[in-house]
Amino acid sequence: MLVCPMRYYLVEKDQVFAYDNDPLKMMRLKNGQSPIDEPLIIHELKKENPNLLFTDELKKAISLSDYAFICVPTNFSEESMTFDTTTLETVLHRLFRMNKAIKAVIKSTVPVGFTKRIRQQLKTENIVFSPEFLREGNSLEDSRYPSRIVIGENTIENMAIYQL
């Protein structure tokens, strides 16, 4: 999981589960310690917020969720001249095995055509691409007041993501 700053704004009206496969990072987050040096994130982590739950119980969190915002590294490979979507694909396969009805929102950078291909693979329309354009040190501010909003979607049902 990248810091996924938008979760701090979603908790104002919804319950949010935050999960990372790194137990040390999860322990630090639960204890109010930010993985990056960003004053607003540090401030948000110190606030008491009953709607934000850091969990190591992924299956339970997914079963209780309508949406999953996926923020994983998709590093660009100079060698292959494309983004490495291996981790993202693994996460999506796992996610839809746990909850076929969940709507997955990809925040990571992906190559053109990725969303269409993974939808076909997983036989679902419940995958939306909506990248974040964040500056280091200003991710919360950029999430709350984005310079642009991009949602790669072609179904009316999934456009509800725009309302979040």
N, C-alpha and C. Protein backbone atom coordinates (compact mmCIF):
# COMPACT_ATOMS: atom_id res chain seq x y z
N MET A 1 0.85 -1.17 0.00
CA MET A 1 0.00 0.00 0.00
C MET A 1 0.88 1.23 0.00
N LEU A 2 0.61 2.14 -0.88
CA LEU A 2 1.21 3.44 -0.77
C LEU A 2 0.37 4.14 0.29
N VAL A 3 0.70 5.33 0.60
CA VAL A 3 0.00 5.98 1.71
C VAL A 3 -1.49 6.14 1.43
N CYS A 4 -1.88 6.20 0.18
CA CYS A 4 -3.30 6.32 -0.20
C CYS A 4 -3.97 7.42 0.61
N PRO A 5 -3.55 8.65 0.44
CA PRO A 5 -4.04 9.76 1.26
C PRO A 5 -5.53 9.97 1.21
N MET A 6 -6.18 9.59 0.12
CA MET A 6 -7.61 9.86 0.04
C MET A 6 -8.40 9.17 1.15
N ARG A 7 -7.83 8.13 1.75
CA ARG A 7 -8.56 7.44 2.82
C ARG A 7 -8.87 8.38 3.98
N TYR A 8 -8.02 9.39 4.20
CA TYR A 8 -8.24 10.31 5.31
C TYR A 8 -9.46 11.20 5.07
N TYR A 9 -9.85 11.39 3.81
CA TYR A 9 -11.03 12.18 3.52
C TYR A 9 -12.28 11.31 3.42
N LEU A 10 -12.11 10.07 3.01
CA LEU A 10 -13.26 9.16 2.95
C LEU A 10 -13.81 8.88 4.34
N VAL A 11 -12.95 8.88 5.36
CA VAL A 11 -13.40 8.55 6.72
C VAL A 11 -14.32 9.61 7.30
N GLU A 12 -14.42 10.76 6.68
CA GLU A 12 -15.32 11.79 7.18
C GLU A 12 -16.77 11.33 7.10
N LYS A 13 -17.07 10.42 6.15
CA LYS A 13 -18.46 9.97 6.01
C LYS A 13 -18.62 8.45 5.94
N ASP A 14 -17.53 7.73 5.80
CA ASP A 14 -17.61 6.27 5.65
C ASP A 14 -16.59 5.57 6.53
N GLN A 15 -16.84 4.30 6.79
CA GLN A 15 -15.85 3.49 7.50
C GLN A 15 -14.81 3.03 6.48
N VAL A 16 -13.54 3.17 6.86
CA VAL A 16 -12.43 2.83 5.97
C VAL A 16 -11.52 1.84 6.67
N PHE A 17 -11.22 0.74 5.97
CA PHE A 17 -10.23 -0.22 6.45
C PHE A 17 -8.94 0.04 5.68
N ALA A 18 -7.84 0.12 6.38
CA ALA A 18 -6.53 0.29 5.74
C ALA A 18 -5.73 -0.98 5.99
N TYR A 19 -5.16 -1.52 4.91
CA TYR A 19 -4.41 -2.77 5.02
C TYR A 19 -3.11 -2.65 4.25
N ASP A 20 -2.07 -3.26 4.80
CA ASP A 20 -0.79 -3.39 4.10
C ASP A 20 -0.24 -4.76 4.44
N ASN A 21 0.45 -5.37 3.50
CA ASN A 21 0.99 -6.71 3.77
C ASN A 21 2.29 -6.67 4.57
N ASP A 22 2.75 -5.48 4.92
CA ASP A 22 3.95 -5.32 5.75
C ASP A 22 3.50 -5.13 7.20
N PRO A 23 3.66 -6.15 8.06
CA PRO A 23 3.19 -6.07 9.45
C PRO A 23 3.84 -4.93 10.24
N LEU A 24 5.10 -4.64 9.97
CA LEU A 24 5.79 -3.55 10.67
C LEU A 24 5.16 -2.20 10.32
N LYS A 25 4.87 -2.00 9.04
CA LYS A 25 4.23 -0.76 8.61
C LYS A 25 2.84 -0.62 9.24
N MET A 26 2.10 -1.73 9.29
CA MET A 26 0.76 -1.70 9.90
C MET A 26 0.85 -1.36 11.38
N MET A 27 1.82 -1.93 12.08
CA MET A 27 1.98 -1.64 13.51
C MET A 27 2.28 -0.15 13.71
N ARG A 28 3.15 0.39 12.87
CA ARG A 28 3.49 1.82 12.98
C ARG A 28 2.27 2.69 12.71
N LEU A 29 1.52 2.36 11.68
CA LEU A 29 0.32 3.14 11.36
C LEU A 29 -0.69 3.08 12.50
N LYS A 30 -0.89 1.89 13.05
CA LYS A 30 -1.81 1.75 14.19
C LYS A 30 -1.36 2.59 15.38
N ASN A 31 -0.05 2.78 15.50
CA ASN A 31 0.51 3.58 16.60
C ASN A 31 0.66 5.05 16.23
N GLY A 32 0.08 5.46 15.11
CA GLY A 32 0.09 6.87 14.72
C GLY A 32 1.39 7.34 14.12
N GLN A 33 2.21 6.44 13.61
CA GLN A 33 3.48 6.82 13.00
C GLN A 33 3.37 6.74 11.48
N SER A 34 3.70 7.83 10.83
CA SER A 34 3.61 7.89 9.37
C SER A 34 4.83 7.26 8.72
N PRO A 35 4.62 6.54 7.61
CA PRO A 35 5.76 5.97 6.89
C PRO A 35 6.53 7.02 6.09
N ILE A 36 5.93 8.19 5.91
CA ILE A 36 6.62 9.28 5.21
C ILE A 36 6.54 10.55 6.05
N ASP A 37 7.46 11.44 5.78
CA ASP A 37 7.53 12.69 6.53
C ASP A 37 6.64 13.73 5.86
N GLU A 38 5.37 13.70 6.22
CA GLU A 38 4.41 14.66 5.69
C GLU A 38 3.55 15.15 6.85
N PRO A 39 3.68 16.43 7.20
CA PRO A 39 3.00 16.96 8.39
C PRO A 39 1.50 16.67 8.46
N LEU A 40 0.77 16.81 7.36
CA LEU A 40 -0.68 16.58 7.42
C LEU A 40 -1.01 15.11 7.67
N ILE A 41 -0.23 14.20 7.12
CA ILE A 41 -0.47 12.77 7.38
C ILE A 41 -0.17 12.47 8.84
N ILE A 42 0.93 13.00 9.34
CA ILE A 42 1.29 12.81 10.75
C ILE A 42 0.17 13.33 11.64
N HIS A 43 -0.36 14.50 11.31
CA HIS A 43 -1.47 15.09 12.07
C HIS A 43 -2.71 14.19 12.03
N GLU A 44 -3.07 13.70 10.84
CA GLU A 44 -4.25 12.84 10.70
C GLU A 44 -4.10 11.53 11.47
N LEU A 45 -2.90 10.97 11.46
CA LEU A 45 -2.67 9.71 12.17
C LEU A 45 -2.81 9.87 13.68
N LYS A 46 -2.55 11.07 14.17
CA LYS A 46 -2.64 11.30 15.62
C LYS A 46 -4.07 11.57 16.07
N LYS A 47 -4.95 11.92 15.12
CA LYS A 47 -6.35 12.17 15.47
C LYS A 47 -7.07 10.87 15.76
N GLU A 48 -7.96 10.92 16.72
CA GLU A 48 -8.82 9.76 17.02
C GLU A 48 -9.91 9.72 15.96
N ASN A 49 -9.99 8.63 15.22
CA ASN A 49 -11.01 8.53 14.20
C ASN A 49 -11.58 7.12 14.18
N PRO A 50 -12.79 6.96 14.71
CA PRO A 50 -13.38 5.62 14.78
C PRO A 50 -13.72 5.03 13.41
N ASN A 51 -13.77 5.86 12.37
CA ASN A 51 -14.08 5.36 11.03
C ASN A 51 -12.86 4.81 10.28
N LEU A 52 -11.66 5.05 10.81
CA LEU A 52 -10.44 4.57 10.16
C LEU A 52 -9.87 3.42 10.97
N LEU A 53 -9.90 2.23 10.38
CA LEU A 53 -9.41 1.04 11.06
C LEU A 53 -8.24 0.43 10.31
N PHE A 54 -7.09 0.37 10.95
CA PHE A 54 -5.94 -0.32 10.37
C PHE A 54 -6.09 -1.78 10.76
N THR A 55 -6.06 -2.66 9.78
CA THR A 55 -6.33 -4.07 10.06
C THR A 55 -5.34 -4.99 9.37
N ASP A 56 -5.10 -6.12 9.99
CA ASP A 56 -4.31 -7.16 9.33
C ASP A 56 -5.23 -8.31 8.90
N GLU A 57 -6.53 -8.10 9.04
CA GLU A 57 -7.54 -9.10 8.65
C GLU A 57 -8.14 -8.71 7.29
N LEU A 58 -7.38 -8.94 6.25
CA LEU A 58 -7.80 -8.53 4.92
C LEU A 58 -9.13 -9.16 4.50
N LYS A 59 -9.29 -10.44 4.72
CA LYS A 59 -10.51 -11.13 4.30
C LYS A 59 -11.76 -10.50 4.94
N LYS A 60 -11.67 -10.20 6.23
CA LYS A 60 -12.79 -9.58 6.94
C LYS A 60 -13.07 -8.19 6.38
N ALA A 61 -12.01 -7.40 6.19
CA ALA A 61 -12.17 -6.04 5.67
C ALA A 61 -12.82 -6.06 4.29
N ILE A 62 -12.36 -6.95 3.43
CA ILE A 62 -12.91 -7.04 2.07
C ILE A 62 -14.36 -7.49 2.10
N SER A 63 -14.69 -8.42 2.96
CA SER A 63 -16.07 -8.91 3.03
C SER A 63 -17.04 -7.83 3.51
N LEU A 64 -16.54 -6.85 4.26
CA LEU A 64 -17.38 -5.77 4.79
C LEU A 64 -17.36 -4.51 3.92
N SER A 65 -16.66 -4.55 2.80
CA SER A 65 -16.44 -3.35 1.99
C SER A 65 -17.20 -3.37 0.68
N ASP A 66 -17.61 -2.17 0.25
CA ASP A 66 -18.22 -1.98 -1.06
C ASP A 66 -17.17 -1.63 -2.11
N TYR A 67 -16.13 -0.91 -1.66
CA TYR A 67 -15.07 -0.44 -2.55
C TYR A 67 -13.72 -0.83 -1.99
N ALA A 68 -12.77 -1.08 -2.88
CA ALA A 68 -11.38 -1.29 -2.48
C ALA A 68 -10.53 -0.35 -3.32
N PHE A 69 -9.83 0.56 -2.67
CA PHE A 69 -8.91 1.46 -3.35
C PHE A 69 -7.53 0.82 -3.30
N ILE A 70 -7.00 0.53 -4.46
CA ILE A 70 -5.74 -0.21 -4.53
C ILE A 70 -4.60 0.73 -4.89
N CYS A 71 -3.66 0.82 -3.97
CA CYS A 71 -2.50 1.69 -4.13
C CYS A 71 -1.25 0.85 -3.96
N VAL A 72 -0.75 0.30 -5.05
CA VAL A 72 0.45 -0.53 -4.99
C VAL A 72 1.45 -0.02 -6.03
N PRO A 73 2.73 -0.30 -5.81
CA PRO A 73 3.74 0.15 -6.78
C PRO A 73 3.56 -0.54 -8.14
N THR A 74 3.66 0.25 -9.18
CA THR A 74 3.69 -0.26 -10.56
C THR A 74 4.87 0.42 -11.24
N ASN A 75 6.05 0.07 -10.80
CA ASN A 75 7.26 0.73 -11.28
C ASN A 75 7.43 0.59 -12.79
N PHE A 76 7.98 1.64 -13.39
CA PHE A 76 8.24 1.63 -14.82
C PHE A 76 9.57 0.93 -15.08
N SER A 77 9.57 0.00 -16.00
CA SER A 77 10.78 -0.73 -16.36
C SER A 77 11.36 -0.14 -17.64
N GLU A 78 12.58 0.37 -17.53
CA GLU A 78 13.26 0.90 -18.72
C GLU A 78 13.52 -0.22 -19.72
N GLU A 79 13.75 -1.41 -19.19
CA GLU A 79 14.07 -2.56 -20.04
C GLU A 79 12.89 -2.94 -20.93
N SER A 80 11.71 -3.09 -20.32
CA SER A 80 10.53 -3.51 -21.09
C SER A 80 9.71 -2.31 -21.59
N MET A 81 10.04 -1.12 -21.10
CA MET A 81 9.34 0.12 -21.47
C MET A 81 7.85 0.06 -21.13
N THR A 82 7.55 -0.54 -19.98
CA THR A 82 6.16 -0.60 -19.52
C THR A 82 6.13 -0.63 -17.99
N PHE A 83 4.94 -0.52 -17.45
CA PHE A 83 4.78 -0.57 -16.00
C PHE A 83 4.65 -2.02 -15.54
N ASP A 84 5.24 -2.33 -14.40
CA ASP A 84 5.16 -3.68 -13.83
C ASP A 84 3.87 -3.77 -13.02
N THR A 85 2.91 -4.47 -13.56
CA THR A 85 1.60 -4.58 -12.92
C THR A 85 1.42 -5.91 -12.18
N THR A 86 2.51 -6.64 -11.98
CA THR A 86 2.44 -7.96 -11.35
C THR A 86 1.75 -7.91 -9.99
N THR A 87 2.20 -7.00 -9.12
CA THR A 87 1.61 -6.90 -7.78
C THR A 87 0.14 -6.51 -7.87
N LEU A 88 -0.17 -5.55 -8.71
CA LEU A 88 -1.55 -5.11 -8.88
C LEU A 88 -2.45 -6.25 -9.36
N GLU A 89 -1.98 -7.02 -10.32
CA GLU A 89 -2.77 -8.14 -10.81
C GLU A 89 -3.00 -9.18 -9.72
N THR A 90 -1.98 -9.46 -8.94
CA THR A 90 -2.11 -10.41 -7.83
C THR A 90 -3.15 -9.93 -6.84
N VAL A 91 -3.09 -8.63 -6.51
CA VAL A 91 -4.05 -8.05 -5.56
C VAL A 91 -5.47 -8.14 -6.12
N LEU A 92 -5.66 -7.81 -7.38
CA LEU A 92 -7.00 -7.85 -7.97
C LEU A 92 -7.56 -9.28 -8.00
N HIS A 93 -6.75 -10.24 -8.38
CA HIS A 93 -7.20 -11.64 -8.39
C HIS A 93 -7.63 -12.06 -6.98
N ARG A 94 -6.81 -11.73 -6.01
CA ARG A 94 -7.10 -12.09 -4.61
C ARG A 94 -8.38 -11.40 -4.12
N LEU A 95 -8.49 -10.13 -4.44
CA LEU A 95 -9.63 -9.33 -4.02
C LEU A 95 -10.94 -9.93 -4.53
N PHE A 96 -11.01 -10.25 -5.81
CA PHE A 96 -12.25 -10.76 -6.39
C PHE A 96 -12.53 -12.21 -6.00
N ARG A 97 -11.53 -12.94 -5.56
CA ARG A 97 -11.79 -14.27 -4.98
C ARG A 97 -12.51 -14.11 -3.64
N MET A 98 -12.19 -13.04 -2.91
CA MET A 98 -12.78 -12.82 -1.59
C MET A 98 -14.17 -12.19 -1.66
N ASN A 99 -14.39 -11.32 -2.66
CA ASN A 99 -15.66 -10.59 -2.73
C ASN A 99 -15.93 -10.24 -4.19
N LYS A 100 -16.75 -11.02 -4.85
CA LYS A 100 -17.03 -10.82 -6.28
C LYS A 100 -17.81 -9.54 -6.57
N ALA A 101 -18.49 -9.00 -5.57
CA ALA A 101 -19.33 -7.82 -5.77
C ALA A 101 -18.60 -6.51 -5.51
N ILE A 102 -17.40 -6.57 -4.96
CA ILE A 102 -16.68 -5.35 -4.59
C ILE A 102 -16.31 -4.55 -5.84
N LYS A 103 -16.23 -3.23 -5.69
CA LYS A 103 -15.78 -2.37 -6.78
C LYS A 103 -14.33 -2.00 -6.47
N ALA A 104 -13.43 -2.32 -7.38
CA ALA A 104 -12.01 -2.04 -7.20
C ALA A 104 -11.66 -0.75 -7.92
N VAL A 105 -11.01 0.16 -7.21
CA VAL A 105 -10.57 1.43 -7.78
C VAL A 105 -9.05 1.42 -7.79
N ILE A 106 -8.49 1.39 -8.98
CA ILE A 106 -7.04 1.35 -9.13
C ILE A 106 -6.51 2.78 -9.07
N LYS A 107 -5.65 3.05 -8.09
CA LYS A 107 -5.03 4.36 -7.95
C LYS A 107 -3.61 4.38 -8.53
N SER A 108 -3.07 3.21 -8.77
CA SER A 108 -1.71 3.07 -9.30
C SER A 108 -1.68 3.38 -10.80
N THR A 109 -0.50 3.75 -11.29
CA THR A 109 -0.32 3.99 -12.72
C THR A 109 -0.29 2.66 -13.46
N VAL A 110 -1.06 2.59 -14.53
CA VAL A 110 -1.11 1.35 -15.33
C VAL A 110 -0.98 1.71 -16.81
N PRO A 111 -0.56 0.74 -17.63
CA PRO A 111 -0.47 1.00 -19.07
C PRO A 111 -1.86 1.08 -19.71
N VAL A 112 -1.92 1.74 -20.84
CA VAL A 112 -3.16 1.84 -21.60
C VAL A 112 -3.66 0.43 -21.92
N GLY A 113 -4.94 0.20 -21.69
CA GLY A 113 -5.55 -1.09 -21.98
C GLY A 113 -5.53 -2.07 -20.82
N PHE A 114 -4.83 -1.72 -19.73
CA PHE A 114 -4.72 -2.64 -18.60
C PHE A 114 -6.09 -2.94 -17.98
N THR A 115 -6.87 -1.90 -17.73
CA THR A 115 -8.16 -2.08 -17.05
C THR A 115 -9.08 -2.98 -17.87
N LYS A 116 -9.14 -2.75 -19.17
CA LYS A 116 -9.97 -3.59 -20.04
C LYS A 116 -9.50 -5.04 -19.99
N ARG A 117 -8.20 -5.26 -20.07
CA ARG A 117 -7.65 -6.61 -20.07
C ARG A 117 -7.94 -7.34 -18.76
N ILE A 118 -7.73 -6.66 -17.62
CA ILE A 118 -7.92 -7.32 -16.32
C ILE A 118 -9.41 -7.57 -16.06
N ARG A 119 -10.26 -6.68 -16.56
CA ARG A 119 -11.71 -6.92 -16.45
C ARG A 119 -12.10 -8.20 -17.19
N GLN A 120 -11.55 -8.37 -18.38
CA GLN A 120 -11.84 -9.58 -19.16
C GLN A 120 -11.31 -10.82 -18.45
N GLN A 121 -10.10 -10.72 -17.93
CA GLN A 121 -9.50 -11.86 -17.21
C GLN A 121 -10.35 -12.29 -16.03
N LEU A 122 -10.79 -11.29 -15.26
CA LEU A 122 -11.54 -11.57 -14.03
C LEU A 122 -13.05 -11.68 -14.25
N LYS A 123 -13.47 -11.43 -15.48
CA LYS A 123 -14.90 -11.51 -15.83
C LYS A 123 -15.75 -10.62 -14.92
N THR A 124 -15.34 -9.35 -14.83
CA THR A 124 -16.08 -8.37 -14.01
C THR A 124 -15.96 -6.99 -14.64
N GLU A 125 -16.99 -6.20 -14.43
CA GLU A 125 -16.95 -4.79 -14.83
C GLU A 125 -16.62 -3.89 -13.64
N ASN A 126 -16.45 -4.50 -12.47
CA ASN A 126 -16.28 -3.74 -11.23
C ASN A 126 -14.85 -3.28 -10.97
N ILE A 127 -14.17 -2.85 -12.01
CA ILE A 127 -12.82 -2.31 -11.86
C ILE A 127 -12.78 -0.96 -12.55
N VAL A 128 -12.36 0.04 -11.80
CA VAL A 128 -12.30 1.41 -12.29
C VAL A 128 -10.87 1.92 -12.13
N PHE A 129 -10.41 2.69 -13.10
CA PHE A 129 -9.09 3.30 -13.02
C PHE A 129 -9.26 4.78 -12.70
N SER A 130 -8.66 5.23 -11.61
CA SER A 130 -8.72 6.63 -11.21
C SER A 130 -7.41 7.00 -10.53
N PRO A 131 -6.40 7.39 -11.32
CA PRO A 131 -5.07 7.64 -10.75
C PRO A 131 -5.03 8.88 -9.88
N GLU A 132 -4.05 8.89 -9.00
CA GLU A 132 -3.80 10.07 -8.16
C GLU A 132 -2.63 10.84 -8.74
N PHE A 133 -2.70 12.15 -8.65
CA PHE A 133 -1.60 13.01 -9.08
C PHE A 133 -1.12 13.74 -7.84
N LEU A 134 -0.17 13.13 -7.15
CA LEU A 134 0.25 13.62 -5.85
C LEU A 134 1.69 14.11 -5.87
N ARG A 135 1.92 15.17 -5.12
CA ARG A 135 3.28 15.67 -4.94
C ARG A 135 3.77 15.20 -3.58
N GLU A 136 5.02 14.75 -3.55
CA GLU A 136 5.60 14.30 -2.29
C GLU A 136 5.57 15.44 -1.28
N GLY A 137 5.09 15.14 -0.09
CA GLY A 137 4.99 16.15 0.96
C GLY A 137 3.66 16.89 0.96
N ASN A 138 2.86 16.71 -0.09
CA ASN A 138 1.56 17.39 -0.21
C ASN A 138 0.44 16.45 -0.60
N SER A 139 0.59 15.17 -0.32
CA SER A 139 -0.38 14.20 -0.84
C SER A 139 -1.79 14.39 -0.30
N LEU A 140 -1.92 14.74 0.98
CA LEU A 140 -3.28 14.95 1.52
C LEU A 140 -3.94 16.17 0.88
N GLU A 141 -3.19 17.23 0.76
CA GLU A 141 -3.71 18.44 0.12
C GLU A 141 -4.10 18.15 -1.33
N ASP A 142 -3.23 17.42 -2.04
CA ASP A 142 -3.51 17.09 -3.43
C ASP A 142 -4.71 16.16 -3.57
N SER A 143 -4.94 15.29 -2.58
CA SER A 143 -6.11 14.41 -2.61
C SER A 143 -7.40 15.17 -2.37
N ARG A 144 -7.34 16.11 -1.47
CA ARG A 144 -8.55 16.89 -1.16
C ARG A 144 -8.88 17.89 -2.26
N TYR A 145 -7.85 18.50 -2.83
CA TYR A 145 -8.04 19.52 -3.87
C TYR A 145 -7.25 19.11 -5.12
N PRO A 146 -7.70 18.08 -5.82
CA PRO A 146 -6.93 17.59 -6.97
C PRO A 146 -6.89 18.60 -8.11
N SER A 147 -5.76 18.64 -8.80
CA SER A 147 -5.63 19.52 -9.96
C SER A 147 -6.47 18.98 -11.12
N ARG A 148 -6.72 17.68 -11.10
CA ARG A 148 -7.57 17.05 -12.12
C ARG A 148 -8.07 15.72 -11.57
N ILE A 149 -9.21 15.31 -12.07
CA ILE A 149 -9.78 14.01 -11.69
C ILE A 149 -9.93 13.20 -12.96
N VAL A 150 -9.33 12.04 -12.97
CA VAL A 150 -9.41 11.14 -14.12
C VAL A 150 -10.07 9.86 -13.65
N ILE A 151 -11.14 9.48 -14.32
CA ILE A 151 -11.80 8.21 -14.01
C ILE A 151 -11.97 7.47 -15.33
N GLY A 152 -11.28 6.36 -15.46
CA GLY A 152 -11.39 5.54 -16.66
C GLY A 152 -12.54 4.58 -16.49
N GLU A 153 -13.67 4.91 -17.06
CA GLU A 153 -14.87 4.11 -16.82
C GLU A 153 -15.83 4.29 -17.98
N ASN A 154 -16.56 3.24 -18.31
CA ASN A 154 -17.54 3.33 -19.39
C ASN A 154 -18.91 2.78 -19.00
N THR A 155 -19.13 2.54 -17.71
CA THR A 155 -20.46 2.10 -17.28
C THR A 155 -21.03 3.11 -16.29
N ILE A 156 -22.30 3.37 -16.39
CA ILE A 156 -22.98 4.31 -15.51
C ILE A 156 -22.88 3.86 -14.06
N GLU A 157 -23.03 2.56 -13.81
CA GLU A 157 -23.00 2.04 -12.44
C GLU A 157 -21.70 2.39 -11.72
N ASN A 158 -20.59 2.27 -12.42
CA ASN A 158 -19.30 2.52 -11.78
C ASN A 158 -18.96 4.00 -11.67
N MET A 159 -19.70 4.86 -12.34
CA MET A 159 -19.43 6.29 -12.23
C MET A 159 -19.77 6.82 -10.84
N ALA A 160 -20.44 6.02 -10.02
CA ALA A 160 -20.71 6.41 -8.63
C ALA A 160 -19.42 6.69 -7.87
N ILE A 161 -18.32 6.15 -8.34
CA ILE A 161 -17.02 6.38 -7.71
C ILE A 161 -16.71 7.88 -7.67
N TYR A 162 -17.19 8.60 -8.67
CA TYR A 162 -16.95 10.04 -8.74
C TYR A 162 -17.56 10.76 -7.54
N GLN A 163 -18.66 10.21 -7.01
CA GLN A 163 -19.33 10.84 -5.87
C GLN A 163 -18.59 10.64 -4.56
N LEU A 164 -17.69 9.65 -4.50
CA LEU A 164 -16.95 9.41 -3.27
C LEU A 164 -16.00 10.55 -3.02
